[in-house]
Amino acid sequence: MSHRTVSWNTLSRSLHDSRPKIPAGLLSARAQVQGFARFQRRPLVVAGKFDRSAIMAAAAAAATGLQERYGLTRAAALSTALKAAWQAAKMARAATAH
């Protein structure tokens, strides 16, 4: 009968490495998107539907800030900003529904 040992350090490390990575600047990008929607008076949700042009405009503004702050490429900054913008839009739609 074979005996198998478990390396708890290896197991712990593999669990830690399998966690999803949060992109750099995601939280600040979400705050920028929410600020953009508030100050530019372009709500992300109109009549219960997403305003895609407002979401894209907010993401573009946030991406510029991410590039300056974190030195990301335009593609990486826009990717993070779009994730943040859609998160903010989903939160805004949920808030208006209740």
PDB file of N, CA and C in Angstrom:
ATOM      1  N   MET A   1       0.838  -1.171   0.000  1.00  0.00           N
ATOM      2  CA  MET A   1       0.000   0.000   0.000  1.00  0.00           C
ATOM      3  C   MET A   1       0.890   1.244   0.000  1.00  0.00           C
ATOM      4  N   SER A   2       0.590   2.167  -0.906  1.00  0.00           N
ATOM      5  CA  SER A   2       1.420   3.364  -1.004  1.00  0.00           C
ATOM      6  C   SER A   2       0.934   4.427  -0.017  1.00  0.00           C
ATOM      7  N   HIS A   3       1.861   5.193   0.450  1.00  0.00           N
ATOM      8  CA  HIS A   3       1.550   6.246   1.418  1.00  0.00           C
ATOM      9  C   HIS A   3       1.834   7.598   0.761  1.00  0.00           C
ATOM     10  N   ARG A   4       0.832   8.463   0.733  1.00  0.00           N
ATOM     11  CA  ARG A   4       0.981   9.762   0.086  1.00  0.00           C
ATOM     12  C   ARG A   4       1.031  10.849   1.159  1.00  0.00           C
ATOM     13  N   THR A   5       1.987  11.752   1.035  1.00  0.00           N
ATOM     14  CA  THR A   5       2.090  12.853   1.994  1.00  0.00           C
ATOM     15  C   THR A   5       1.550  14.134   1.362  1.00  0.00           C
ATOM     16  N   VAL A   6       1.098  15.005   2.203  1.00  0.00           N
ATOM     17  CA  VAL A   6       0.557  16.280   1.746  1.00  0.00           C
ATOM     18  C   VAL A   6       1.460  17.391   2.243  1.00  0.00           C
ATOM     19  N   SER A   7       1.894  18.219   1.340  1.00  0.00           N
ATOM     20  CA  SER A   7       2.673  19.389   1.729  1.00  0.00           C
ATOM     21  C   SER A   7       1.682  20.532   1.943  1.00  0.00           C
ATOM     22  N   TRP A   8       1.491  20.909   3.190  1.00  0.00           N
ATOM     23  CA  TRP A   8       0.520  21.954   3.506  1.00  0.00           C
ATOM     24  C   TRP A   8       0.971  23.308   2.987  1.00  0.00           C
ATOM     25  N   ASN A   9       2.270  23.519   2.923  1.00  0.00           N
ATOM     26  CA  ASN A   9       2.770  24.778   2.365  1.00  0.00           C
ATOM     27  C   ASN A   9       2.429  24.892   0.885  1.00  0.00           C
ATOM     28  N   THR A  10       2.620  23.805   0.149  1.00  0.00           N
ATOM     29  CA  THR A  10       2.295  23.807  -1.275  1.00  0.00           C
ATOM     30  C   THR A  10       0.797  23.974  -1.487  1.00  0.00           C
ATOM     31  N   LEU A  11       0.015  23.300  -0.686  1.00  0.00           N
ATOM     32  CA  LEU A  11      -1.433  23.407  -0.790  1.00  0.00           C
ATOM     33  C   LEU A  11      -1.904  24.827  -0.481  1.00  0.00           C
ATOM     34  N   SER A  12      -1.383  25.403   0.568  1.00  0.00           N
ATOM     35  CA  SER A  12      -1.745  26.768   0.943  1.00  0.00           C
ATOM     36  C   SER A  12      -1.347  27.762  -0.141  1.00  0.00           C
ATOM     37  N   ARG A  13      -0.160  27.602  -0.702  1.00  0.00           N
ATOM     38  CA  ARG A  13       0.319  28.500  -1.755  1.00  0.00           C
ATOM     39  C   ARG A  13      -0.539  28.379  -3.003  1.00  0.00           C
ATOM     40  N   SER A  14      -0.934  27.167  -3.368  1.00  0.00           N
ATOM     41  CA  SER A  14      -1.752  26.995  -4.572  1.00  0.00           C
ATOM     42  C   SER A  14      -3.139  27.596  -4.385  1.00  0.00           C
ATOM     43  N   LEU A  15      -3.688  27.520  -3.170  1.00  0.00           N
ATOM     44  CA  LEU A  15      -4.975  28.165  -2.902  1.00  0.00           C
ATOM     45  C   LEU A  15      -4.849  29.676  -2.974  1.00  0.00           C
ATOM     46  N   HIS A  16      -3.755  30.197  -2.448  1.00  0.00           N
ATOM     47  CA  HIS A  16      -3.530  31.640  -2.480  1.00  0.00           C
ATOM     48  C   HIS A  16      -3.359  32.127  -3.918  1.00  0.00           C
ATOM     49  N   ASP A  17      -2.628  31.373  -4.732  1.00  0.00           N
ATOM     50  CA  ASP A  17      -2.371  31.779  -6.109  1.00  0.00           C
ATOM     51  C   ASP A  17      -3.598  31.659  -6.999  1.00  0.00           C
ATOM     52  N   SER A  18      -4.581  30.862  -6.594  1.00  0.00           N
ATOM     53  CA  SER A  18      -5.762  30.678  -7.435  1.00  0.00           C
ATOM     54  C   SER A  18      -6.819  31.763  -7.206  1.00  0.00           C
ATOM     55  N   ARG A  19      -6.604  32.645  -6.249  1.00  0.00           N
ATOM     56  CA  ARG A  19      -7.545  33.743  -6.018  1.00  0.00           C
ATOM     57  C   ARG A  19      -7.526  34.698  -7.206  1.00  0.00           C
ATOM     58  N   PRO A  20      -8.675  35.283  -7.520  1.00  0.00           N
ATOM     59  CA  PRO A  20      -8.688  36.232  -8.637  1.00  0.00           C
ATOM     60  C   PRO A  20      -7.893  37.489  -8.284  1.00  0.00           C
ATOM     61  N   LYS A  21      -7.175  38.003  -9.250  1.00  0.00           N
ATOM     62  CA  LYS A  21      -6.359  39.188  -9.044  1.00  0.00           C
ATOM     63  C   LYS A  21      -7.206  40.427  -9.298  1.00  0.00           C
ATOM     64  N   ILE A  22      -7.102  41.410  -8.426  1.00  0.00           N
ATOM     65  CA  ILE A  22      -7.803  42.680  -8.603  1.00  0.00           C
ATOM     66  C   ILE A  22      -6.867  43.603  -9.374  1.00  0.00           C
ATOM     67  N   PRO A  23      -7.315  44.114 -10.527  1.00  0.00           N
ATOM     68  CA  PRO A  23      -6.440  44.991 -11.315  1.00  0.00           C
ATOM     69  C   PRO A  23      -6.047  46.249 -10.539  1.00  0.00           C
ATOM     70  N   ALA A  24      -4.876  46.766 -10.851  1.00  0.00           N
ATOM     71  CA  ALA A  24      -4.391  47.977 -10.189  1.00  0.00           C
ATOM     72  C   ALA A  24      -5.318  49.135 -10.497  1.00  0.00           C
ATOM     73  N   GLY A  25      -5.756  49.828  -9.463  1.00  0.00           N
ATOM     74  CA  GLY A  25      -6.554  51.028  -9.638  1.00  0.00           C
ATOM     75  C   GLY A  25      -8.040  50.804  -9.840  1.00  0.00           C
ATOM     76  N   LEU A  26      -8.539  49.594  -9.621  1.00  0.00           N
ATOM     77  CA  LEU A  26      -9.954  49.322  -9.860  1.00  0.00           C
ATOM     78  C   LEU A  26     -10.848  50.155  -8.941  1.00  0.00           C
ATOM     79  N   LEU A  27     -10.492  50.245  -7.674  1.00  0.00           N
ATOM     80  CA  LEU A  27     -11.325  50.994  -6.735  1.00  0.00           C
ATOM     81  C   LEU A  27     -11.293  52.492  -7.027  1.00  0.00           C
ATOM     82  N   SER A  28     -10.122  53.021  -7.350  1.00  0.00           N
ATOM     83  CA  SER A  28     -10.064  54.446  -7.662  1.00  0.00           C
ATOM     84  C   SER A  28     -10.766  54.736  -8.984  1.00  0.00           C
ATOM     85  N   ALA A  29     -10.709  53.800  -9.924  1.00  0.00           N
ATOM     86  CA  ALA A  29     -11.410  53.992 -11.200  1.00  0.00           C
ATOM     87  C   ALA A  29     -12.916  54.007 -10.981  1.00  0.00           C
ATOM     88  N   ARG A  30     -13.411  53.155 -10.100  1.00  0.00           N
ATOM     89  CA  ARG A  30     -14.846  53.135  -9.818  1.00  0.00           C
ATOM     90  C   ARG A  30     -15.283  54.454  -9.183  1.00  0.00           C
ATOM     91  N   ALA A  31     -14.455  54.989  -8.290  1.00  0.00           N
ATOM     92  CA  ALA A  31     -14.770  56.278  -7.677  1.00  0.00           C
ATOM     93  C   ALA A  31     -14.744  57.393  -8.718  1.00  0.00           C
ATOM     94  N   GLN A  32     -13.803  57.340  -9.650  1.00  0.00           N
ATOM     95  CA  GLN A  32     -13.745  58.339 -10.716  1.00  0.00           C
ATOM     96  C   GLN A  32     -14.975  58.260 -11.609  1.00  0.00           C
ATOM     97  N   VAL A  33     -15.412  57.047 -11.921  1.00  0.00           N
ATOM     98  CA  VAL A  33     -16.595  56.861 -12.762  1.00  0.00           C
ATOM     99  C   VAL A  33     -17.832  57.417 -12.066  1.00  0.00           C
ATOM    100  N   GLN A  34     -17.977  57.127 -10.782  1.00  0.00           N
ATOM    101  CA  GLN A  34     -19.127  57.634 -10.043  1.00  0.00           C
ATOM    102  C   GLN A  34     -19.087  59.154  -9.945  1.00  0.00           C
ATOM    103  N   GLY A  35     -17.905  59.716  -9.755  1.00  0.00           N
ATOM    104  CA  GLY A  35     -17.755  61.166  -9.724  1.00  0.00           C
ATOM    105  C   GLY A  35     -18.070  61.792 -11.068  1.00  0.00           C
ATOM    106  N   PHE A  36     -17.624  61.152 -12.144  1.00  0.00           N
ATOM    107  CA  PHE A  36     -17.907  61.646 -13.490  1.00  0.00           C
ATOM    108  C   PHE A  36     -19.411  61.684 -13.735  1.00  0.00           C
ATOM    109  N   ALA A  37     -20.093  60.619 -13.365  1.00  0.00           N
ATOM    110  CA  ALA A  37     -21.541  60.554 -13.570  1.00  0.00           C
ATOM    111  C   ALA A  37     -22.255  61.640 -12.762  1.00  0.00           C
ATOM    112  N   ARG A  38     -21.771  61.909 -11.574  1.00  0.00           N
ATOM    113  CA  ARG A  38     -22.419  62.897 -10.709  1.00  0.00           C
ATOM    114  C   ARG A  38     -22.142  64.323 -11.189  1.00  0.00           C
ATOM    115  N   PHE A  39     -20.875  64.646 -11.477  1.00  0.00           N
ATOM    116  CA  PHE A  39     -20.516  66.024 -11.791  1.00  0.00           C
ATOM    117  C   PHE A  39     -20.807  66.412 -13.230  1.00  0.00           C
ATOM    118  N   GLN A  40     -20.739  65.470 -14.146  1.00  0.00           N
ATOM    119  CA  GLN A  40     -21.062  65.768 -15.544  1.00  0.00           C
ATOM    120  C   GLN A  40     -22.554  65.644 -15.815  1.00  0.00           C
ATOM    121  N   ARG A  41     -23.284  65.180 -14.815  1.00  0.00           N
ATOM    122  CA  ARG A  41     -24.733  64.979 -14.916  1.00  0.00           C
ATOM    123  C   ARG A  41     -25.090  64.072 -16.087  1.00  0.00           C
ATOM    124  N   ARG A  42     -24.329  63.000 -16.184  1.00  0.00           N
ATOM    125  CA  ARG A  42     -24.611  61.953 -17.164  1.00  0.00           C
ATOM    126  C   ARG A  42     -24.806  60.665 -16.392  1.00  0.00           C
ATOM    127  N   PRO A  43     -26.030  60.371 -15.986  1.00  0.00           N
ATOM    128  CA  PRO A  43     -26.250  59.150 -15.206  1.00  0.00           C
ATOM    129  C   PRO A  43     -25.942  57.906 -16.034  1.00  0.00           C
ATOM    130  N   LEU A  44     -25.440  56.888 -15.351  1.00  0.00           N
ATOM    131  CA  LEU A  44     -25.089  55.646 -16.030  1.00  0.00           C
ATOM    132  C   LEU A  44     -26.318  54.804 -16.340  1.00  0.00           C
ATOM    133  N   VAL A  45     -27.415  55.056 -15.635  1.00  0.00           N
ATOM    134  CA  VAL A  45     -28.662  54.318 -15.829  1.00  0.00           C
ATOM    135  C   VAL A  45     -29.780  55.334 -16.037  1.00  0.00           C
ATOM    136  N   VAL A  46     -30.513  55.183 -17.140  1.00  0.00           N
ATOM    137  CA  VAL A  46     -31.633  56.060 -17.451  1.00  0.00           C
ATOM    138  C   VAL A  46     -32.861  55.185 -17.660  1.00  0.00           C
ATOM    139  N   ALA A  47     -33.892  55.432 -16.875  1.00  0.00           N
ATOM    140  CA  ALA A  47     -35.158  54.694 -16.965  1.00  0.00           C
ATOM    141  C   ALA A  47     -34.948  53.181 -16.827  1.00  0.00           C
ATOM    142  N   GLY A  48     -34.042  52.794 -15.942  1.00  0.00           N
ATOM    143  CA  GLY A  48     -33.809  51.380 -15.691  1.00  0.00           C
ATOM    144  C   GLY A  48     -32.942  50.681 -16.727  1.00  0.00           C
ATOM    145  N   LYS A  49     -32.423  51.418 -17.714  1.00  0.00           N
ATOM    146  CA  LYS A  49     -31.560  50.835 -18.748  1.00  0.00           C
ATOM    147  C   LYS A  49     -30.200  51.517 -18.715  1.00  0.00           C
ATOM    148  N   PHE A  50     -29.179  50.755 -19.070  1.00  0.00           N
ATOM    149  CA  PHE A  50     -27.821  51.283 -19.084  1.00  0.00           C
ATOM    150  C   PHE A  50     -27.666  52.297 -20.208  1.00  0.00           C
ATOM    151  N   ASP A  51     -27.036  53.424 -19.904  1.00  0.00           N
ATOM    152  CA  ASP A  51     -26.685  54.416 -20.915  1.00  0.00           C
ATOM    153  C   ASP A  51     -25.250  54.125 -21.336  1.00  0.00           C
ATOM    154  N   ARG A  52     -25.102  53.397 -22.424  1.00  0.00           N
ATOM    155  CA  ARG A  52     -23.776  52.915 -22.829  1.00  0.00           C
ATOM    156  C   ARG A  52     -22.832  54.042 -23.209  1.00  0.00           C
ATOM    157  N   SER A  53     -23.360  55.122 -23.786  1.00  0.00           N
ATOM    158  CA  SER A  53     -22.469  56.231 -24.138  1.00  0.00           C
ATOM    159  C   SER A  53     -21.933  56.920 -22.881  1.00  0.00           C
ATOM    160  N   ALA A  54     -22.758  57.040 -21.852  1.00  0.00           N
ATOM    161  CA  ALA A  54     -22.287  57.626 -20.592  1.00  0.00           C
ATOM    162  C   ALA A  54     -21.275  56.710 -19.915  1.00  0.00           C
ATOM    163  N   ILE A  55     -21.509  55.406 -19.986  1.00  0.00           N
ATOM    164  CA  ILE A  55     -20.569  54.448 -19.389  1.00  0.00           C
ATOM    165  C   ILE A  55     -19.222  54.526 -20.101  1.00  0.00           C
ATOM    166  N   MET A  56     -19.233  54.609 -21.414  1.00  0.00           N
ATOM    167  CA  MET A  56     -17.979  54.685 -22.173  1.00  0.00           C
ATOM    168  C   MET A  56     -17.262  56.003 -21.924  1.00  0.00           C
ATOM    169  N   ALA A  57     -18.012  57.097 -21.849  1.00  0.00           N
ATOM    170  CA  ALA A  57     -17.392  58.395 -21.584  1.00  0.00           C
ATOM    171  C   ALA A  57     -16.750  58.417 -20.203  1.00  0.00           C
ATOM    172  N   ALA A  58     -17.427  57.851 -19.219  1.00  0.00           N
ATOM    173  CA  ALA A  58     -16.878  57.788 -17.863  1.00  0.00           C
ATOM    174  C   ALA A  58     -15.650  56.889 -17.822  1.00  0.00           C
ATOM    175  N   ALA A  59     -15.689  55.781 -18.537  1.00  0.00           N
ATOM    176  CA  ALA A  59     -14.542  54.870 -18.563  1.00  0.00           C
ATOM    177  C   ALA A  59     -13.338  55.516 -19.242  1.00  0.00           C
ATOM    178  N   ALA A  60     -13.580  56.265 -20.302  1.00  0.00           N
ATOM    179  CA  ALA A  60     -12.476  56.937 -20.997  1.00  0.00           C
ATOM    180  C   ALA A  60     -11.816  57.972 -20.090  1.00  0.00           C
ATOM    181  N   ALA A  61     -12.631  58.704 -19.347  1.00  0.00           N
ATOM    182  CA  ALA A  61     -12.074  59.688 -18.418  1.00  0.00           C
ATOM    183  C   ALA A  61     -11.293  59.007 -17.301  1.00  0.00           C
ATOM    184  N   ALA A  62     -11.817  57.919 -16.777  1.00  0.00           N
ATOM    185  CA  ALA A  62     -11.127  57.193 -15.713  1.00  0.00           C
ATOM    186  C   ALA A  62      -9.842  56.535 -16.222  1.00  0.00           C
ATOM    187  N   ALA A  63      -9.843  56.081 -17.476  1.00  0.00           N
ATOM    188  CA  ALA A  63      -8.655  55.433 -18.041  1.00  0.00           C
ATOM    189  C   ALA A  63      -7.495  56.414 -18.144  1.00  0.00           C
ATOM    190  N   THR A  64      -7.802  57.651 -18.481  1.00  0.00           N
ATOM    191  CA  THR A  64      -6.747  58.664 -18.541  1.00  0.00           C
ATOM    192  C   THR A  64      -6.127  58.864 -17.165  1.00  0.00           C
ATOM    193  N   GLY A  65      -6.966  58.894 -16.142  1.00  0.00           N
ATOM    194  CA  GLY A  65      -6.452  59.018 -14.781  1.00  0.00           C
ATOM    195  C   GLY A  65      -5.619  57.820 -14.362  1.00  0.00           C
ATOM    196  N   LEU A  66      -6.049  56.628 -14.757  1.00  0.00           N
ATOM    197  CA  LEU A  66      -5.277  55.428 -14.425  1.00  0.00           C
ATOM    198  C   LEU A  66      -3.919  55.421 -15.117  1.00  0.00           C
ATOM    199  N   GLN A  67      -3.887  55.879 -16.363  1.00  0.00           N
ATOM    200  CA  GLN A  67      -2.607  55.934 -17.074  1.00  0.00           C
ATOM    201  C   GLN A  67      -1.636  56.876 -16.370  1.00  0.00           C
ATOM    202  N   GLU A  68      -2.142  58.018 -15.950  1.00  0.00           N
ATOM    203  CA  GLU A  68      -1.273  58.988 -15.285  1.00  0.00           C
ATOM    204  C   GLU A  68      -0.811  58.479 -13.920  1.00  0.00           C
ATOM    205  N   ARG A  69      -1.723  57.879 -13.176  1.00  0.00           N
ATOM    206  CA  ARG A  69      -1.435  57.485 -11.802  1.00  0.00           C
ATOM    207  C   ARG A  69      -0.596  56.213 -11.716  1.00  0.00           C
ATOM    208  N   TYR A  70      -0.919  55.208 -12.553  1.00  0.00           N
ATOM    209  CA  TYR A  70      -0.264  53.900 -12.422  1.00  0.00           C
ATOM    210  C   TYR A  70       0.687  53.564 -13.565  1.00  0.00           C
ATOM    211  N   GLY A  71       0.744  54.404 -14.590  1.00  0.00           N
ATOM    212  CA  GLY A  71       1.647  54.148 -15.710  1.00  0.00           C
ATOM    213  C   GLY A  71       1.245  52.957 -16.552  1.00  0.00           C
ATOM    214  N   LEU A  72      -0.056  52.690 -16.632  1.00  0.00           N
ATOM    215  CA  LEU A  72      -0.549  51.565 -17.417  1.00  0.00           C
ATOM    216  C   LEU A  72      -0.599  51.924 -18.900  1.00  0.00           C
ATOM    217  N   THR A  73      -0.627  50.908 -19.738  1.00  0.00           N
ATOM    218  CA  THR A  73      -0.859  51.153 -21.151  1.00  0.00           C
ATOM    219  C   THR A  73      -2.317  51.579 -21.329  1.00  0.00           C
ATOM    220  N   ARG A  74      -2.626  52.169 -22.476  1.00  0.00           N
ATOM    221  CA  ARG A  74      -4.000  52.620 -22.711  1.00  0.00           C
ATOM    222  C   ARG A  74      -4.972  51.442 -22.685  1.00  0.00           C
ATOM    223  N   ALA A  75      -4.564  50.313 -23.262  1.00  0.00           N
ATOM    224  CA  ALA A  75      -5.441  49.138 -23.298  1.00  0.00           C
ATOM    225  C   ALA A  75      -5.715  48.609 -21.896  1.00  0.00           C
ATOM    226  N   ALA A  76      -4.687  48.499 -21.070  1.00  0.00           N
ATOM    227  CA  ALA A  76      -4.861  47.999 -19.705  1.00  0.00           C
ATOM    228  C   ALA A  76      -5.686  48.969 -18.872  1.00  0.00           C
ATOM    229  N   ALA A  77      -5.437  50.267 -19.042  1.00  0.00           N
ATOM    230  CA  ALA A  77      -6.184  51.270 -18.284  1.00  0.00           C
ATOM    231  C   ALA A  77      -7.651  51.270 -18.691  1.00  0.00           C
ATOM    232  N   LEU A  78      -7.925  51.167 -19.991  1.00  0.00           N
ATOM    233  CA  LEU A  78      -9.303  51.161 -20.458  1.00  0.00           C
ATOM    234  C   LEU A  78     -10.026  49.898 -20.031  1.00  0.00           C
ATOM    235  N   SER A  79      -9.324  48.777 -20.010  1.00  0.00           N
ATOM    236  CA  SER A  79      -9.918  47.531 -19.551  1.00  0.00           C
ATOM    237  C   SER A  79     -10.345  47.645 -18.093  1.00  0.00           C
ATOM    238  N   THR A  80      -9.469  48.144 -17.255  1.00  0.00           N
ATOM    239  CA  THR A  80      -9.782  48.309 -15.838  1.00  0.00           C
ATOM    240  C   THR A  80     -10.900  49.329 -15.647  1.00  0.00           C
ATOM    241  N   ALA A  81     -10.846  50.418 -16.397  1.00  0.00           N
ATOM    242  CA  ALA A  81     -11.859  51.464 -16.267  1.00  0.00           C
ATOM    243  C   ALA A  81     -13.226  50.968 -16.722  1.00  0.00           C
ATOM    244  N   LEU A  82     -13.269  50.156 -17.764  1.00  0.00           N
ATOM    245  CA  LEU A  82     -14.562  49.617 -18.213  1.00  0.00           C
ATOM    246  C   LEU A  82     -15.147  48.649 -17.187  1.00  0.00           C
ATOM    247  N   LYS A  83     -14.298  47.833 -16.575  1.00  0.00           N
ATOM    248  CA  LYS A  83     -14.779  46.952 -15.504  1.00  0.00           C
ATOM    249  C   LYS A  83     -15.377  47.781 -14.376  1.00  0.00           C
ATOM    250  N   ALA A  84     -14.668  48.838 -14.002  1.00  0.00           N
ATOM    251  CA  ALA A  84     -15.144  49.699 -12.923  1.00  0.00           C
ATOM    252  C   ALA A  84     -16.431  50.416 -13.317  1.00  0.00           C
ATOM    253  N   ALA A  85     -16.522  50.862 -14.567  1.00  0.00           N
ATOM    254  CA  ALA A  85     -17.710  51.579 -15.025  1.00  0.00           C
ATOM    255  C   ALA A  85     -18.934  50.664 -15.021  1.00  0.00           C
ATOM    256  N   TRP A  86     -18.766  49.443 -15.471  1.00  0.00           N
ATOM    257  CA  TRP A  86     -19.900  48.521 -15.469  1.00  0.00           C
ATOM    258  C   TRP A  86     -20.282  48.138 -14.041  1.00  0.00           C
ATOM    259  N   GLN A  87     -19.315  48.007 -13.146  1.00  0.00           N
ATOM    260  CA  GLN A  87     -19.644  47.750 -11.745  1.00  0.00           C
ATOM    261  C   GLN A  87     -20.463  48.904 -11.176  1.00  0.00           C
ATOM    262  N   ALA A  88     -20.035  50.129 -11.470  1.00  0.00           N
ATOM    263  CA  ALA A  88     -20.754  51.305 -10.962  1.00  0.00           C
ATOM    264  C   ALA A  88     -22.144  51.390 -11.570  1.00  0.00           C
ATOM    265  N   ALA A  89     -22.275  51.054 -12.846  1.00  0.00           N
ATOM    266  CA  ALA A  89     -23.583  51.108 -13.502  1.00  0.00           C
ATOM    267  C   ALA A  89     -24.528  50.056 -12.927  1.00  0.00           C
ATOM    268  N   LYS A  90     -24.008  48.865 -12.664  1.00  0.00           N
ATOM    269  CA  LYS A  90     -24.839  47.816 -12.078  1.00  0.00           C
ATOM    270  C   LYS A  90     -25.275  48.198 -10.671  1.00  0.00           C
ATOM    271  N   MET A  91     -24.373  48.825  -9.915  1.00  0.00           N
ATOM    272  CA  MET A  91     -24.738  49.280  -8.579  1.00  0.00           C
ATOM    273  C   MET A  91     -25.793  50.389  -8.655  1.00  0.00           C
ATOM    274  N   ALA A  92     -25.666  51.296  -9.641  1.00  0.00           N
ATOM    275  CA  ALA A  92     -26.631  52.384  -9.790  1.00  0.00           C
ATOM    276  C   ALA A  92     -28.012  51.828 -10.187  1.00  0.00           C
ATOM    277  N   ARG A  93     -28.018  50.830 -11.058  1.00  0.00           N
ATOM    278  CA  ARG A  93     -29.304  50.244 -11.465  1.00  0.00           C
ATOM    279  C   ARG A  93     -29.958  49.520 -10.293  1.00  0.00           C
ATOM    280  N   ALA A  94     -29.173  48.826  -9.510  1.00  0.00           N
ATOM    281  CA  ALA A  94     -29.720  48.145  -8.340  1.00  0.00           C
ATOM    282  C   ALA A  94     -30.248  49.151  -7.317  1.00  0.00           C
ATOM    283  N   ALA A  95     -29.569  50.286  -7.188  1.00  0.00           N
ATOM    284  CA  ALA A  95     -30.006  51.306  -6.236  1.00  0.00           C
ATOM    285  C   ALA A  95     -31.312  51.950  -6.673  1.00  0.00           C
ATOM    286  N   THR A  96     -31.497  52.141  -7.975  1.00  0.00           N
ATOM    287  CA  THR A  96     -32.745  52.758  -8.445  1.00  0.00           C
ATOM    288  C   THR A  96     -33.902  51.769  -8.433  1.00  0.00           C
ATOM    289  N   ALA A  97     -33.604  50.492  -8.461  1.00  0.00           N
ATOM    290  CA  ALA A  97     -34.660  49.485  -8.473  1.00  0.00           C
ATOM    291  C   ALA A  97     -35.289  49.321  -7.091  1.00  0.00           C
ATOM    292  N   HIS A  98     -34.535  49.657  -6.041  1.00  0.00           N
ATOM    293  CA  HIS A  98     -35.063  49.457  -4.686  1.00  0.00           C
ATOM    294  C   HIS A  98     -35.497  50.728  -4.047  1.00  0.00           C
TER     295      HIS A  98
END
